[in-house]
Amino acid sequence: MMTFTRGAACESLANPAPPSGGARWSHHGHSHGPGTRPH
């Protein structure tokens, strides 16, 4: 059994200081890592 969550609480626990230049989480079920361009 696994539980996956998304949102501010999950993000702040996983990465207390997100990298500059964009959000770590995005929409449509995928994430954007460092260095990706907005689309």
Full PDB file with SEQRES, HELIX, SHEET, SSBOND, CRYST1, ORIGX, SCALE, CONECT and MASTER records, all heavy atoms in Angstrom:
SEQRES   1 A   39  MET MET THR PHE THR ARG GLY ALA ALA CYS GLU SER LEU          
SEQRES   2 A   39  ALA ASN PRO ALA PRO PRO SER GLY GLY ALA ARG TRP SER          
SEQRES   3 A   39  HIS HIS GLY HIS SER HIS GLY PRO GLY THR ARG PRO HIS          
HELIX    1 AA1 ALA A    8  ALA A   14  1                                   7    
CRYST1    1.000    1.000    1.000  90.00  90.00  90.00 P 1           1          
ORIGX1      1.000000  0.000000  0.000000        0.00000                         
ORIGX2      0.000000  1.000000  0.000000        0.00000                         
ORIGX3      0.000000  0.000000  1.000000        0.00000                         
SCALE1      1.000000  0.000000  0.000000        0.00000                         
SCALE2      0.000000  1.000000  0.000000        0.00000                         
SCALE3      0.000000  0.000000  1.000000        0.00000                         
ATOM      1  N   MET A   1       0.849  -1.186   0.000  1.00  0.00           N  
ATOM      2  CA  MET A   1       0.000   0.000   0.000  1.00  0.00           C  
ATOM      3  C   MET A   1       0.885   1.237   0.000  1.00  0.00           C  
ATOM      4  O   MET A   1       1.806   1.347   0.797  1.00  0.00           O  
ATOM      5  CB  MET A   1      -0.903   0.008   1.225  1.00  0.00           C  
ATOM      6  CG  MET A   1      -1.943  -1.073   1.190  1.00  0.00           C  
ATOM      7  SD  MET A   1      -2.983  -1.096   2.655  1.00  0.00           S  
ATOM      8  CE  MET A   1      -3.494   0.571   2.812  1.00  0.00           C  
ATOM      9  N   MET A   2       0.591   2.148  -0.918  1.00  0.00           N  
ATOM     10  CA  MET A   2       1.352   3.390  -0.997  1.00  0.00           C  
ATOM     11  C   MET A   2       0.377   4.559  -1.099  1.00  0.00           C  
ATOM     12  O   MET A   2      -0.662   4.432  -1.726  1.00  0.00           O  
ATOM     13  CB  MET A   2       2.257   3.398  -2.226  1.00  0.00           C  
ATOM     14  CG  MET A   2       3.325   2.386  -2.190  1.00  0.00           C  
ATOM     15  SD  MET A   2       4.343   2.572  -3.653  1.00  0.00           S  
ATOM     16  CE  MET A   2       5.571   1.357  -3.343  1.00  0.00           C  
ATOM     17  N   THR A   3       0.752   5.656  -0.523  1.00  0.00           N  
ATOM     18  CA  THR A   3      -0.052   6.859  -0.604  1.00  0.00           C  
ATOM     19  C   THR A   3       0.808   7.966  -1.173  1.00  0.00           C  
ATOM     20  O   THR A   3       1.896   8.232  -0.678  1.00  0.00           O  
ATOM     21  CB  THR A   3      -0.555   7.263   0.798  1.00  0.00           C  
ATOM     22  OG1 THR A   3      -1.273   6.174   1.338  1.00  0.00           O  
ATOM     23  CG2 THR A   3      -1.440   8.477   0.724  1.00  0.00           C  
ATOM     24  N   PHE A   4       0.313   8.568  -2.233  1.00  0.00           N  
ATOM     25  CA  PHE A   4       1.018   9.676  -2.851  1.00  0.00           C  
ATOM     26  C   PHE A   4       0.201  10.944  -2.646  1.00  0.00           C  
ATOM     27  O   PHE A   4      -1.006  10.939  -2.851  1.00  0.00           O  
ATOM     28  CB  PHE A   4       1.221   9.437  -4.354  1.00  0.00           C  
ATOM     29  CG  PHE A   4       2.085   8.260  -4.647  1.00  0.00           C  
ATOM     30  CD1 PHE A   4       1.538   7.033  -4.976  1.00  0.00           C  
ATOM     31  CD2 PHE A   4       3.464   8.371  -4.581  1.00  0.00           C  
ATOM     32  CE1 PHE A   4       2.341   5.942  -5.239  1.00  0.00           C  
ATOM     33  CE2 PHE A   4       4.276   7.284  -4.837  1.00  0.00           C  
ATOM     34  CZ  PHE A   4       3.710   6.072  -5.176  1.00  0.00           C  
ATOM     35  N   THR A   5       0.860  11.993  -2.236  1.00  0.00           N  
ATOM     36  CA  THR A   5       0.182  13.271  -2.073  1.00  0.00           C  
ATOM     37  C   THR A   5       0.957  14.351  -2.798  1.00  0.00           C  
ATOM     38  O   THR A   5       2.152  14.240  -3.006  1.00  0.00           O  
ATOM     39  CB  THR A   5       0.055  13.659  -0.588  1.00  0.00           C  
ATOM     40  OG1 THR A   5       1.354  13.726  -0.025  1.00  0.00           O  
ATOM     41  CG2 THR A   5      -0.790  12.667   0.177  1.00  0.00           C  
ATOM     42  N   ARG A   6       0.252  15.375  -3.184  1.00  0.00           N  
ATOM     43  CA  ARG A   6       0.875  16.528  -3.821  1.00  0.00           C  
ATOM     44  C   ARG A   6       0.388  17.762  -3.115  1.00  0.00           C  
ATOM     45  O   ARG A   6      -0.723  17.817  -2.635  1.00  0.00           O  
ATOM     46  CB  ARG A   6       0.490  16.619  -5.293  1.00  0.00           C  
ATOM     47  CG  ARG A   6       1.200  15.604  -6.133  1.00  0.00           C  
ATOM     48  CD  ARG A   6       0.798  15.713  -7.559  1.00  0.00           C  
ATOM     49  NE  ARG A   6       1.049  17.041  -8.096  1.00  0.00           N  
ATOM     50  CZ  ARG A   6       0.815  17.389  -9.338  1.00  0.00           C  
ATOM     51  NH1 ARG A   6       0.313  16.522 -10.164  1.00  0.00           N  
ATOM     52  NH2 ARG A   6       1.054  18.592  -9.756  1.00  0.00           N  
ATOM     53  N   GLY A   7       1.182  18.768  -3.095  1.00  0.00           N  
ATOM     54  CA  GLY A   7       0.756  20.023  -2.517  1.00  0.00           C  
ATOM     55  C   GLY A   7       1.830  20.642  -1.666  1.00  0.00           C  
ATOM     56  O   GLY A   7       2.941  20.152  -1.561  1.00  0.00           O  
ATOM     57  N   ALA A   8       1.461  21.738  -1.039  1.00  0.00           N  
ATOM     58  CA  ALA A   8       2.426  22.520  -0.274  1.00  0.00           C  
ATOM     59  C   ALA A   8       3.023  21.729   0.874  1.00  0.00           C  
ATOM     60  O   ALA A   8       4.219  21.797   1.123  1.00  0.00           O  
ATOM     61  CB  ALA A   8       1.765  23.785   0.239  1.00  0.00           C  
ATOM     62  N   ALA A   9       2.201  20.969   1.588  1.00  0.00           N  
ATOM     63  CA  ALA A   9       2.719  20.209   2.733  1.00  0.00           C  
ATOM     64  C   ALA A   9       3.733  19.172   2.284  1.00  0.00           C  
ATOM     65  O   ALA A   9       4.803  19.045   2.863  1.00  0.00           O  
ATOM     66  CB  ALA A   9       1.576  19.539   3.483  1.00  0.00           C  
ATOM     67  N   CYS A  10       3.405  18.449   1.250  1.00  0.00           N  
ATOM     68  CA  CYS A  10       4.307  17.417   0.747  1.00  0.00           C  
ATOM     69  C   CYS A  10       5.586  18.050   0.211  1.00  0.00           C  
ATOM     70  O   CYS A  10       6.675  17.579   0.474  1.00  0.00           O  
ATOM     71  CB  CYS A  10       3.619  16.610  -0.344  1.00  0.00           C  
ATOM     72  SG  CYS A  10       4.640  15.284  -0.996  1.00  0.00           S  
ATOM     73  N   GLU A  11       5.449  19.133  -0.534  1.00  0.00           N  
ATOM     74  CA  GLU A  11       6.612  19.784  -1.120  1.00  0.00           C  
ATOM     75  C   GLU A  11       7.528  20.346  -0.047  1.00  0.00           C  
ATOM     76  O   GLU A  11       8.741  20.231  -0.119  1.00  0.00           O  
ATOM     77  CB  GLU A  11       6.170  20.898  -2.067  1.00  0.00           C  
ATOM     78  CG  GLU A  11       7.332  21.565  -2.765  1.00  0.00           C  
ATOM     79  CD  GLU A  11       6.880  22.610  -3.770  1.00  0.00           C  
ATOM     80  OE1 GLU A  11       5.696  22.670  -4.092  1.00  0.00           O  
ATOM     81  OE2 GLU A  11       7.752  23.373  -4.214  1.00  0.00           O  
ATOM     82  N   SER A  12       6.945  20.948   0.994  1.00  0.00           N  
ATOM     83  CA  SER A  12       7.784  21.543   2.021  1.00  0.00           C  
ATOM     84  C   SER A  12       8.525  20.479   2.818  1.00  0.00           C  
ATOM     85  O   SER A  12       9.623  20.714   3.289  1.00  0.00           O  
ATOM     86  CB  SER A  12       6.951  22.420   2.952  1.00  0.00           C  
ATOM     87  OG  SER A  12       6.020  21.644   3.664  1.00  0.00           O  
ATOM     88  N   LEU A  13       7.941  19.296   2.959  1.00  0.00           N  
ATOM     89  CA  LEU A  13       8.630  18.225   3.657  1.00  0.00           C  
ATOM     90  C   LEU A  13       9.752  17.639   2.807  1.00  0.00           C  
ATOM     91  O   LEU A  13      10.822  17.326   3.303  1.00  0.00           O  
ATOM     92  CB  LEU A  13       7.647  17.112   4.030  1.00  0.00           C  
ATOM     93  CG  LEU A  13       6.638  17.458   5.115  1.00  0.00           C  
ATOM     94  CD1 LEU A  13       5.637  16.327   5.254  1.00  0.00           C  
ATOM     95  CD2 LEU A  13       7.332  17.729   6.430  1.00  0.00           C  
ATOM     96  N   ALA A  14       9.497  17.493   1.522  1.00  0.00           N  
ATOM     97  CA  ALA A  14      10.480  16.883   0.634  1.00  0.00           C  
ATOM     98  C   ALA A  14      11.622  17.839   0.315  1.00  0.00           C  
ATOM     99  O   ALA A  14      12.768  17.436   0.234  1.00  0.00           O  
ATOM    100  CB  ALA A  14       9.818  16.432  -0.663  1.00  0.00           C  
ATOM    101  N   ASN A  15      11.310  19.105   0.118  1.00  0.00           N  
ATOM    102  CA  ASN A  15      12.303  20.112  -0.263  1.00  0.00           C  
ATOM    103  C   ASN A  15      12.039  21.404   0.496  1.00  0.00           C  
ATOM    104  O   ASN A  15      11.332  22.271   0.006  1.00  0.00           O  
ATOM    105  CB  ASN A  15      12.233  20.392  -1.774  1.00  0.00           C  
ATOM    106  CG  ASN A  15      12.600  19.185  -2.567  1.00  0.00           C  
ATOM    107  OD1 ASN A  15      13.641  18.603  -2.338  1.00  0.00           O  
ATOM    108  ND2 ASN A  15      11.740  18.784  -3.494  1.00  0.00           N  
ATOM    109  N   PRO A  16      12.598  21.564   1.666  1.00  0.00           N  
ATOM    110  CA  PRO A  16      12.342  22.760   2.454  1.00  0.00           C  
ATOM    111  C   PRO A  16      12.699  24.051   1.722  1.00  0.00           C  
ATOM    112  O   PRO A  16      12.060  25.051   1.917  1.00  0.00           O  
ATOM    113  CB  PRO A  16      13.213  22.587   3.691  1.00  0.00           C  
ATOM    114  CG  PRO A  16      13.634  21.166   3.704  1.00  0.00           C  
ATOM    115  CD  PRO A  16      13.487  20.638   2.332  1.00  0.00           C  
ATOM    116  N   ALA A  17      13.718  24.046   0.887  1.00  0.00           N  
ATOM    117  CA  ALA A  17      14.103  25.239   0.142  1.00  0.00           C  
ATOM    118  C   ALA A  17      14.109  24.901  -1.344  1.00  0.00           C  
ATOM    119  O   ALA A  17      15.095  24.427  -1.888  1.00  0.00           O  
ATOM    120  CB  ALA A  17      15.487  25.717   0.583  1.00  0.00           C  
ATOM    121  N   PRO A  18      12.975  25.102  -2.047  1.00  0.00           N  
ATOM    122  CA  PRO A  18      12.936  24.759  -3.466  1.00  0.00           C  
ATOM    123  C   PRO A  18      13.919  25.601  -4.268  1.00  0.00           C  
ATOM    124  O   PRO A  18      14.203  26.746  -3.900  1.00  0.00           O  
ATOM    125  CB  PRO A  18      11.495  25.058  -3.887  1.00  0.00           C  
ATOM    126  CG  PRO A  18      10.935  25.937  -2.835  1.00  0.00           C  
ATOM    127  CD  PRO A  18      11.721  25.689  -1.587  1.00  0.00           C  
ATOM    128  N   PRO A  19      14.466  25.039  -5.336  1.00  0.00           N  
ATOM    129  CA  PRO A  19      15.429  25.781  -6.139  1.00  0.00           C  
ATOM    130  C   PRO A  19      14.777  26.992  -6.788  1.00  0.00           C  
ATOM    131  O   PRO A  19      13.599  26.979  -7.096  1.00  0.00           O  
ATOM    132  CB  PRO A  19      15.877  24.760  -7.195  1.00  0.00           C  
ATOM    133  CG  PRO A  19      14.795  23.751  -7.248  1.00  0.00           C  
ATOM    134  CD  PRO A  19      14.182  23.719  -5.882  1.00  0.00           C  
ATOM    135  N   SER A  20      15.563  28.038  -7.002  1.00  0.00           N  
ATOM    136  CA  SER A  20      15.023  29.230  -7.641  1.00  0.00           C  
ATOM    137  C   SER A  20      14.778  28.945  -9.114  1.00  0.00           C  
ATOM    138  O   SER A  20      15.372  28.064  -9.710  1.00  0.00           O  
ATOM    139  CB  SER A  20      16.000  30.398  -7.488  1.00  0.00           C  
ATOM    140  OG  SER A  20      17.221  30.069  -8.115  1.00  0.00           O  
ATOM    141  N   GLY A  21      13.864  29.707  -9.676  1.00  0.00           N  
ATOM    142  CA  GLY A  21      13.606  29.558 -11.103  1.00  0.00           C  
ATOM    143  C   GLY A  21      12.352  28.775 -11.417  1.00  0.00           C  
ATOM    144  O   GLY A  21      12.107  28.435 -12.554  1.00  0.00           O  
ATOM    145  N   GLY A  22      11.528  28.481 -10.451  1.00  0.00           N  
ATOM    146  CA  GLY A  22      10.273  27.814 -10.783  1.00  0.00           C  
ATOM    147  C   GLY A  22       9.804  26.869  -9.704  1.00  0.00           C  
ATOM    148  O   GLY A  22      10.532  26.550  -8.777  1.00  0.00           O  
ATOM    149  N   ALA A  23       8.604  26.448  -9.860  1.00  0.00           N  
ATOM    150  CA  ALA A  23       7.994  25.535  -8.896  1.00  0.00           C  
ATOM    151  C   ALA A  23       8.469  24.108  -9.137  1.00  0.00           C  
ATOM    152  O   ALA A  23       8.854  23.745 -10.238  1.00  0.00           O  
ATOM    153  CB  ALA A  23       6.474  25.599  -9.024  1.00  0.00           C  
ATOM    154  N   ARG A  24       8.453  23.316  -8.096  1.00  0.00           N  
ATOM    155  CA  ARG A  24       8.820  21.906  -8.221  1.00  0.00           C  
ATOM    156  C   ARG A  24       7.663  21.072  -8.746  1.00  0.00           C  
ATOM    157  O   ARG A  24       7.865  20.083  -9.395  1.00  0.00           O  
ATOM    158  CB  ARG A  24       9.149  21.392  -6.838  1.00  0.00           C  
ATOM    159  CG  ARG A  24      10.400  21.125  -6.488  1.00  0.00           C  
ATOM    160  CD  ARG A  24      11.612  20.635  -6.460  1.00  0.00           C  
ATOM    161  NE  ARG A  24      11.815  19.237  -6.339  1.00  0.00           N  
ATOM    162  CZ  ARG A  24      12.664  18.626  -7.099  1.00  0.00           C  
ATOM    163  NH1 ARG A  24      13.318  19.244  -8.015  1.00  0.00           N  
ATOM    164  NH2 ARG A  24      12.858  17.374  -6.943  1.00  0.00           N  
ATOM    165  N   TRP A  25       6.441  21.463  -8.400  1.00  0.00           N  
ATOM    166  CA  TRP A  25       5.266  20.679  -8.797  1.00  0.00           C  
ATOM    167  C   TRP A  25       4.528  21.397  -9.902  1.00  0.00           C  
ATOM    168  O   TRP A  25       4.493  22.598  -9.978  1.00  0.00           O  
ATOM    169  CB  TRP A  25       4.333  20.486  -7.598  1.00  0.00           C  
ATOM    170  CG  TRP A  25       4.960  19.697  -6.520  1.00  0.00           C  
ATOM    171  CD1 TRP A  25       5.613  20.194  -5.419  1.00  0.00           C  
ATOM    172  CD2 TRP A  25       5.059  18.295  -6.423  1.00  0.00           C  
ATOM    173  NE1 TRP A  25       6.088  19.185  -4.652  1.00  0.00           N  
ATOM    174  CE2 TRP A  25       5.759  17.991  -5.241  1.00  0.00           C  
ATOM    175  CE3 TRP A  25       4.620  17.238  -7.204  1.00  0.00           C  
ATOM    176  CZ2 TRP A  25       6.022  16.705  -4.828  1.00  0.00           C  
ATOM    177  CZ3 TRP A  25       4.878  15.956  -6.789  1.00  0.00           C  
ATOM    178  CH2 TRP A  25       5.565  15.701  -5.627  1.00  0.00           C  
ATOM    179  N   SER A  26       3.922  20.624 -10.740  1.00  0.00           N  
ATOM    180  CA  SER A  26       3.171  21.204 -11.839  1.00  0.00           C  
ATOM    181  C   SER A  26       1.814  20.519 -11.927  1.00  0.00           C  
ATOM    182  O   SER A  26       1.370  19.883 -11.006  1.00  0.00           O  
ATOM    183  CB  SER A  26       3.959  21.060 -13.135  1.00  0.00           C  
ATOM    184  OG  SER A  26       3.264  21.693 -14.188  1.00  0.00           O  
ATOM    185  N   HIS A  27       1.216  20.603 -13.062  1.00  0.00           N  
ATOM    186  CA  HIS A  27      -0.120  20.072 -13.291  1.00  0.00           C  
ATOM    187  C   HIS A  27      -0.068  18.854 -14.209  1.00  0.00           C  
ATOM    188  O   HIS A  27       0.977  18.492 -14.717  1.00  0.00           O  
ATOM    189  CB  HIS A  27      -0.995  21.168 -13.906  1.00  0.00           C  
ATOM    190  CG  HIS A  27      -0.335  21.806 -15.087  1.00  0.00           C  
ATOM    191  ND1 HIS A  27       0.683  22.716 -14.946  1.00  0.00           N  
ATOM    192  CD2 HIS A  27      -0.493  21.631 -16.402  1.00  0.00           C  
ATOM    193  CE1 HIS A  27       1.101  23.089 -16.135  1.00  0.00           C  
ATOM    194  NE2 HIS A  27       0.405  22.447 -17.031  1.00  0.00           N  
ATOM    195  N   HIS A  28      -1.187  18.253 -14.407  1.00  0.00           N  
ATOM    196  CA  HIS A  28      -1.333  17.109 -15.307  1.00  0.00           C  
ATOM    197  C   HIS A  28      -0.463  15.920 -14.916  1.00  0.00           C  
ATOM    198  O   HIS A  28       0.017  15.186 -15.775  1.00  0.00           O  
ATOM    199  CB  HIS A  28      -1.060  17.503 -16.765  1.00  0.00           C  
ATOM    200  CG  HIS A  28      -1.990  18.540 -17.274  1.00  0.00           C  
ATOM    201  ND1 HIS A  28      -3.310  18.270 -17.569  1.00  0.00           N  
ATOM    202  CD2 HIS A  28      -1.821  19.857 -17.512  1.00  0.00           C  
ATOM    203  CE1 HIS A  28      -3.885  19.366 -17.990  1.00  0.00           C  
ATOM    204  NE2 HIS A  28      -3.016  20.343 -17.952  1.00  0.00           N  
ATOM    205  N   GLY A  29      -0.243  15.724 -13.625  1.00  0.00           N  
ATOM    206  CA  GLY A  29       0.393  14.511 -13.146  1.00  0.00           C  
ATOM    207  C   GLY A  29       1.882  14.366 -13.359  1.00  0.00           C  
ATOM    208  O   GLY A  29       2.396  13.274 -13.309  1.00  0.00           O  
ATOM    209  N   HIS A  30       2.579  15.437 -13.630  1.00  0.00           N  
ATOM    210  CA  HIS A  30       4.029  15.302 -13.733  1.00  0.00           C  
ATOM    211  C   HIS A  30       4.716  16.477 -13.053  1.00  0.00           C  
ATOM    212  O   HIS A  30       4.117  17.512 -12.818  1.00  0.00           O  
ATOM    213  CB  HIS A  30       4.492  15.152 -15.189  1.00  0.00           C  
ATOM    214  CG  HIS A  30       4.305  16.389 -16.009  1.00  0.00           C  
ATOM    215  ND1 HIS A  30       3.143  16.670 -16.669  1.00  0.00           N  
ATOM    216  CD2 HIS A  30       5.152  17.403 -16.280  1.00  0.00           C  
ATOM    217  CE1 HIS A  30       3.270  17.809 -17.320  1.00  0.00           C  
ATOM    218  NE2 HIS A  30       4.475  18.286 -17.099  1.00  0.00           N  
ATOM    219  N   SER A  31       5.976  16.292 -12.745  1.00  0.00           N  
ATOM    220  CA  SER A  31       6.712  17.354 -12.068  1.00  0.00           C  
ATOM    221  C   SER A  31       7.761  17.934 -12.998  1.00  0.00           C  
ATOM    222  O   SER A  31       8.158  17.318 -13.973  1.00  0.00           O  
ATOM    223  CB  SER A  31       7.379  16.808 -10.804  1.00  0.00           C  
ATOM    224  OG  SER A  31       8.297  15.817 -11.136  1.00  0.00           O  
ATOM    225  N   HIS A  32       8.193  19.130 -12.657  1.00  0.00           N  
ATOM    226  CA  HIS A  32       9.226  19.805 -13.421  1.00  0.00           C  
ATOM    227  C   HIS A  32      10.450  19.950 -12.539  1.00  0.00           C  
ATOM    228  O   HIS A  32      10.374  20.506 -11.461  1.00  0.00           O  
ATOM    229  CB  HIS A  32       8.749  21.193 -13.866  1.00  0.00           C  
ATOM    230  CG  HIS A  32       7.595  21.139 -14.798  1.00  0.00           C  
ATOM    231  ND1 HIS A  32       7.750  21.104 -16.149  1.00  0.00           N  
ATOM    232  CD2 HIS A  32       6.267  21.079 -14.569  1.00  0.00           C  
ATOM    233  CE1 HIS A  32       6.567  21.048 -16.720  1.00  0.00           C  
ATOM    234  NE2 HIS A  32       5.638  21.020 -15.782  1.00  0.00           N  
ATOM    235  N   GLY A  33      11.544  19.439 -12.985  1.00  0.00           N  
ATOM    236  CA  GLY A  33      12.777  19.529 -12.219  1.00  0.00           C  
ATOM    237  C   GLY A  33      13.510  20.824 -12.511  1.00  0.00           C  
ATOM    238  O   GLY A  33      13.083  21.647 -13.310  1.00  0.00           O  
ATOM    239  N   PRO A  34      14.647  21.007 -11.888  1.00  0.00           N  
ATOM    240  CA  PRO A  34      15.446  22.213 -12.113  1.00  0.00           C  
ATOM    241  C   PRO A  34      15.892  22.322 -13.573  1.00  0.00           C  
ATOM    242  O   PRO A  34      16.199  21.328 -14.208  1.00  0.00           O  
ATOM    243  CB  PRO A  34      16.650  22.037 -11.206  1.00  0.00           C  
ATOM    244  CG  PRO A  34      16.397  20.856 -10.360  1.00  0.00           C  
ATOM    245  CD  PRO A  34      15.246  20.106 -10.938  1.00  0.00           C  
ATOM    246  N   GLY A  35      15.854  23.516 -14.090  1.00  0.00           N  
ATOM    247  CA  GLY A  35      16.338  23.762 -15.452  1.00  0.00           C  
ATOM    248  C   GLY A  35      15.317  23.549 -16.538  1.00  0.00           C  
ATOM    249  O   GLY A  35      15.623  23.716 -17.712  1.00  0.00           O  
ATOM    250  N   THR A  36      14.079  23.192 -16.195  1.00  0.00           N  
ATOM    251  CA  THR A  36      13.067  23.005 -17.245  1.00  0.00           C  
ATOM    252  C   THR A  36      12.398  24.341 -17.536  1.00  0.00           C  
ATOM    253  O   THR A  36      12.238  25.184 -16.668  1.00  0.00           O  
ATOM    254  CB  THR A  36      12.010  21.986 -16.827  1.00  0.00           C  
ATOM    255  OG1 THR A  36      11.403  22.419 -15.623  1.00  0.00           O  
ATOM    256  CG2 THR A  36      12.612  20.620 -16.657  1.00  0.00           C  
ATOM    257  N   ARG A  37      12.019  24.511 -18.768  1.00  0.00           N  
ATOM    258  CA  ARG A  37      11.354  25.745 -19.180  1.00  0.00           C  
ATOM    259  C   ARG A  37       9.865  25.628 -18.974  1.00  0.00           C  
ATOM    260  O   ARG A  37       9.294  24.555 -19.142  1.00  0.00           O  
ATOM    261  CB  ARG A  37      11.660  26.023 -20.639  1.00  0.00           C  
ATOM    262  CG  ARG A  37      13.105  26.292 -20.893  1.00  0.00           C  
ATOM    263  CD  ARG A  37      13.391  26.681 -22.315  1.00  0.00           C  
ATOM    264  NE  ARG A  37      12.308  26.327 -23.229  1.00  0.00           N  
ATOM    265  CZ  ARG A  37      12.431  26.275 -24.520  1.00  0.00           C  
ATOM    266  NH1 ARG A  37      13.582  26.563 -25.090  1.00  0.00           N  
ATOM    267  NH2 ARG A  37      11.427  25.952 -25.304  1.00  0.00           N  
ATOM    268  N   PRO A  38       9.188  26.735 -18.645  1.00  0.00           N  
ATOM    269  CA  PRO A  38       7.721  26.698 -18.524  1.00  0.00           C  
ATOM    270  C   PRO A  38       7.108  26.366 -19.876  1.00  0.00           C  
ATOM    271  O   PRO A  38       7.632  26.725 -20.936  1.00  0.00           O  
ATOM    272  CB  PRO A  38       7.359  28.116 -18.095  1.00  0.00           C  
ATOM    273  CG  PRO A  38       8.628  28.738 -17.623  1.00  0.00           C  
ATOM    274  CD  PRO A  38       9.753  28.016 -18.298  1.00  0.00           C  
ATOM    275  N   HIS A  39       6.015  25.659 -19.845  1.00  0.00           N  
ATOM    276  CA  HIS A  39       5.295  25.329 -21.073  1.00  0.00           C  
ATOM    277  C   HIS A  39       3.821  25.129 -20.746  1.00  0.00           C  
ATOM    278  O   HIS A  39       3.430  25.046 -19.604  1.00  0.00           O  
ATOM    279  CB  HIS A  39       5.882  24.068 -21.727  1.00  0.00           C  
ATOM    280  CG  HIS A  39       5.790  22.855 -20.866  1.00  0.00           C  
ATOM    281  ND1 HIS A  39       6.733  22.558 -19.906  1.00  0.00           N  
ATOM    282  CD2 HIS A  39       4.860  21.888 -20.798  1.00  0.00           C  
ATOM    283  CE1 HIS A  39       6.396  21.452 -19.301  1.00  0.00           C  
ATOM    284  NE2 HIS A  39       5.269  21.005 -19.809  1.00  0.00           N  
TER     285      HIS A  39                                                      
MASTER        0    0    0    1    0    0    0    6  284    1    0    3          
END                                                                             
